[in-house]
C-alpha atoms as a PDB file:
ATOM      1  CA  MET A   1      11.226  -3.593 -11.274  1.00  0.00           C
ATOM      2  CA  SER A   2       7.230  -2.681 -11.604  1.00  0.00           C
ATOM      3  CA  LEU A   3       4.165  -3.681  -9.968  1.00  0.00           C
ATOM      4  CA  THR A   4       2.593  -5.416 -12.577  1.00  0.00           C
ATOM      5  CA  SER A   5       5.736  -8.086 -12.219  1.00  0.00           C
ATOM      6  CA  ILE A   6       4.293  -8.746  -8.914  1.00  0.00           C
ATOM      7  CA  LEU A   7       0.351  -8.098  -9.339  1.00  0.00           C
ATOM      8  CA  SER A   8      -1.431  -8.279 -11.871  1.00  0.00           C
ATOM      9  CA  ALA A   9      -2.705  -4.705 -13.536  1.00  0.00           C
ATOM     10  CA  GLU A  10      -6.531  -6.451 -14.015  1.00  0.00           C
ATOM     11  CA  ALA A  11      -5.847  -7.331 -10.322  1.00  0.00           C
ATOM     12  CA  ILE A  12      -4.893  -3.811  -9.306  1.00  0.00           C
ATOM     13  CA  ASP A  13      -7.462  -1.809 -11.418  1.00  0.00           C
ATOM     14  CA  LYS A  14     -10.036  -3.559 -10.041  1.00  0.00           C
ATOM     15  CA  ALA A  15      -8.199  -2.620  -6.226  1.00  0.00           C
ATOM     16  CA  LEU A  16      -8.364   0.413  -7.230  1.00  0.00           C
ATOM     17  CA  LYS A  17     -11.976   0.596  -8.714  1.00  0.00           C
ATOM     18  CA  GLU A  18     -13.245  -0.723  -5.097  1.00  0.00           C
ATOM     19  CA  CYS A  19     -11.544   2.387  -3.213  1.00  0.00           C
ATOM     20  CA  GLN A  20     -12.552   5.302  -6.038  1.00  0.00           C
ATOM     21  CA  ALA A  21     -14.856   7.127  -3.217  1.00  0.00           C
ATOM     22  CA  PRO A  22     -12.937   9.042  -0.968  1.00  0.00           C
ATOM     23  CA  GLU A  23     -13.006   7.424   2.573  1.00  0.00           C
ATOM     24  CA  SER A  24     -13.524   4.400   1.602  1.00  0.00           C
ATOM     25  CA  PHE A  25     -10.254   2.817   1.608  1.00  0.00           C
ATOM     26  CA  ASP A  26      -9.819  -0.592   3.456  1.00  0.00           C
ATOM     27  CA  HIS A  27      -6.262  -1.760   3.609  1.00  0.00           C
ATOM     28  CA  LYS A  28      -7.152  -5.189   3.842  1.00  0.00           C
ATOM     29  CA  LYS A  29      -9.687  -5.073   1.352  1.00  0.00           C
ATOM     30  CA  PHE A  30      -7.188  -3.489  -0.961  1.00  0.00           C
ATOM     31  CA  PHE A  31      -4.307  -5.981  -0.456  1.00  0.00           C
ATOM     32  CA  GLN A  32      -6.810  -8.861  -0.753  1.00  0.00           C
ATOM     33  CA  SER A  33      -8.305  -7.050  -4.342  1.00  0.00           C
ATOM     34  CA  CYS A  34      -4.905  -6.706  -5.691  1.00  0.00           C
ATOM     35  CA  GLY A  35      -3.779  -9.714  -4.949  1.00  0.00           C
ATOM     36  CA  LEU A  36      -0.356  -9.138  -2.581  1.00  0.00           C
ATOM     37  CA  SER A  37      -2.560 -10.828   0.507  1.00  0.00           C
ATOM     38  CA  SER A  38      -1.266 -14.140  -1.049  1.00  0.00           C
ATOM     39  CA  LYS A  39       1.682 -13.189  -2.252  1.00  0.00           C
ATOM     40  CA  THR A  40       5.134 -14.476  -0.733  1.00  0.00           C
ATOM     41  CA  ALA A  41       7.161 -12.685   2.151  1.00  0.00           C
ATOM     42  CA  GLN A  42       9.568 -11.979  -0.377  1.00  0.00           C
ATOM     43  CA  GLU A  43       7.223 -10.636  -2.832  1.00  0.00           C
ATOM     44  CA  VAL A  44       5.482  -8.336  -0.198  1.00  0.00           C
ATOM     45  CA  LYS A  45       9.041  -6.941   0.285  1.00  0.00           C
ATOM     46  CA  GLU A  46       9.469  -6.299  -2.998  1.00  0.00           C
ATOM     47  CA  VAL A  47       6.295  -4.210  -3.294  1.00  0.00           C
ATOM     48  CA  PHE A  48       7.216  -2.607  -0.297  1.00  0.00           C
ATOM     49  CA  ARG A  49      10.517  -0.971  -2.171  1.00  0.00           C
ATOM     50  CA  ILE A  50       8.225  -0.335  -5.007  1.00  0.00           C
ATOM     51  CA  LEU A  51       6.451   1.618  -3.114  1.00  0.00           C
ATOM     52  CA  ASP A  52       9.265   3.638  -1.125  1.00  0.00           C
ATOM     53  CA  ASP A  53       9.179   6.017  -3.426  1.00  0.00           C
ATOM     54  CA  ASP A  54      12.640   8.011  -1.463  1.00  0.00           C
ATOM     55  CA  ASN A  55      14.068   5.339  -0.955  1.00  0.00           C
ATOM     56  CA  SER A  56      14.603   5.667   2.664  1.00  0.00           C
ATOM     57  CA  GLY A  57      14.004   1.787   4.283  1.00  0.00           C
ATOM     58  CA  TYR A  58      10.567   3.443   5.281  1.00  0.00           C
ATOM     59  CA  ILE A  59       7.307   4.734   3.848  1.00  0.00           C
ATOM     60  CA  GLU A  60       6.045   7.582   5.698  1.00  0.00           C
ATOM     61  CA  GLU A  61       3.152   9.611   6.052  1.00  0.00           C
ATOM     62  CA  ALA A  62       3.672  11.812   3.771  1.00  0.00           C
ATOM     63  CA  GLU A  63       4.224   9.011   1.425  1.00  0.00           C
ATOM     64  CA  PHE A  64       0.824   6.825   2.275  1.00  0.00           C
ATOM     65  CA  LYS A  65      -0.818   9.811   1.066  1.00  0.00           C
ATOM     66  CA  PHE A  66      -0.184   9.656  -2.306  1.00  0.00           C
ATOM     67  CA  PHE A  67       0.116   5.552  -1.781  1.00  0.00           C
ATOM     68  CA  LEU A  68      -2.145   4.626  -4.266  1.00  0.00           C
ATOM     69  CA  GLN A  69      -1.150   6.406  -7.396  1.00  0.00           C
ATOM     70  CA  ARG A  70       1.950   3.890  -6.940  1.00  0.00           C
ATOM     71  CA  PHE A  71      -0.114   1.485  -8.359  1.00  0.00           C
ATOM     72  CA  LYS A  72      -1.833   3.436 -11.074  1.00  0.00           C
ATOM     73  CA  PRO A  73      -0.510   7.065 -11.782  1.00  0.00           C
ATOM     74  CA  ASP A  74      -4.152   8.296 -12.536  1.00  0.00           C
ATOM     75  CA  ALA A  75      -5.517   6.842  -8.821  1.00  0.00           C
ATOM     76  CA  ARG A  76      -7.096   9.099  -6.044  1.00  0.00           C
ATOM     77  CA  ILE A  77      -4.999  10.806  -3.332  1.00  0.00           C
ATOM     78  CA  LEU A  78      -5.451   9.028   0.196  1.00  0.00           C
ATOM     79  CA  THR A  79      -7.671  11.390   2.523  1.00  0.00           C
ATOM     80  CA  ASP A  80      -5.500  12.251   5.750  1.00  0.00           C
ATOM     81  CA  LYS A  81      -7.592  10.148   7.675  1.00  0.00           C
ATOM     82  CA  GLU A  82      -7.386   6.905   5.318  1.00  0.00           C
ATOM     83  CA  ALA A  83      -3.793   7.413   5.559  1.00  0.00           C
ATOM     84  CA  LYS A  84      -3.336   7.873   9.483  1.00  0.00           C
ATOM     85  CA  SER A  85      -5.464   4.891   9.359  1.00  0.00           C
ATOM     86  CA  LEU A  86      -3.426   2.712   7.033  1.00  0.00           C
ATOM     87  CA  ILE A  87       0.187   3.396   8.834  1.00  0.00           C
ATOM     88  CA  SER A  88      -1.346   3.208  12.419  1.00  0.00           C
ATOM     89  CA  ALA A  89      -2.438  -0.659  11.388  1.00  0.00           C
ATOM     90  CA  ALA A  90       1.369  -0.987  11.054  1.00  0.00           C
ATOM     91  CA  ASP A  91       2.935   1.300  13.088  1.00  0.00           C
ATOM     92  CA  ASN A  92       4.211  -0.883  15.997  1.00  0.00           C
ATOM     93  CA  ASP A  93       6.863   1.673  17.720  1.00  0.00           C
ATOM     94  CA  SER A  94       4.520   4.938  16.723  1.00  0.00           C
ATOM     95  CA  ASP A  95       7.100   6.945  14.987  1.00  0.00           C
ATOM     96  CA  GLY A  96       4.680   7.677  11.590  1.00  0.00           C
ATOM     97  CA  LYS A  97       6.561   5.507   9.193  1.00  0.00           C
ATOM     98  CA  ILE A  98       6.004   1.771   8.597  1.00  0.00           C
ATOM     99  CA  GLY A  99       9.323  -0.286   7.647  1.00  0.00           C
ATOM    100  CA  ALA A 100       9.823  -3.315   5.601  1.00  0.00           C
ATOM    101  CA  GLU A 101       9.653  -5.773   8.364  1.00  0.00           C
ATOM    102  CA  ASP A 102       6.199  -4.262   9.691  1.00  0.00           C
ATOM    103  CA  THR A 103       4.610  -5.183   5.798  1.00  0.00           C
ATOM    104  CA  ASN A 104       2.936  -8.362   7.101  1.00  0.00           C
ATOM    105  CA  VAL A 105       0.925  -6.915   9.395  1.00  0.00           C
ATOM    106  CA  LEU A 106      -0.850  -4.807   6.286  1.00  0.00           C
ATOM    107  CA  THR A 107      -1.557  -8.060   4.271  1.00  0.00           C
ATOM    108  CA  GLU A 108      -2.484 -10.331   6.777  1.00  0.00           C
END
């Protein structure tokens, strides 16, 4: 399954254009623009599984740096600050990773 089976390619492109500049990534704005905020909990979990590059059940800080590239391969890499901000938004136990059960916090 691919992200475009859940999110439209046009919405993904729009969301990526809005955060092209370094330090411009805002996860709430991004998830709203790409349409993820309006998806069901099951669809959000499916997107999480697609984004979990190593299939560990978690998305770790190293994976978050390449987060945007999972939506489109030529997207930019997140800065360390942006990746840490994204993790801290949903990392309730401060272990440096986000599990599928934490994704609802990101899309609210």
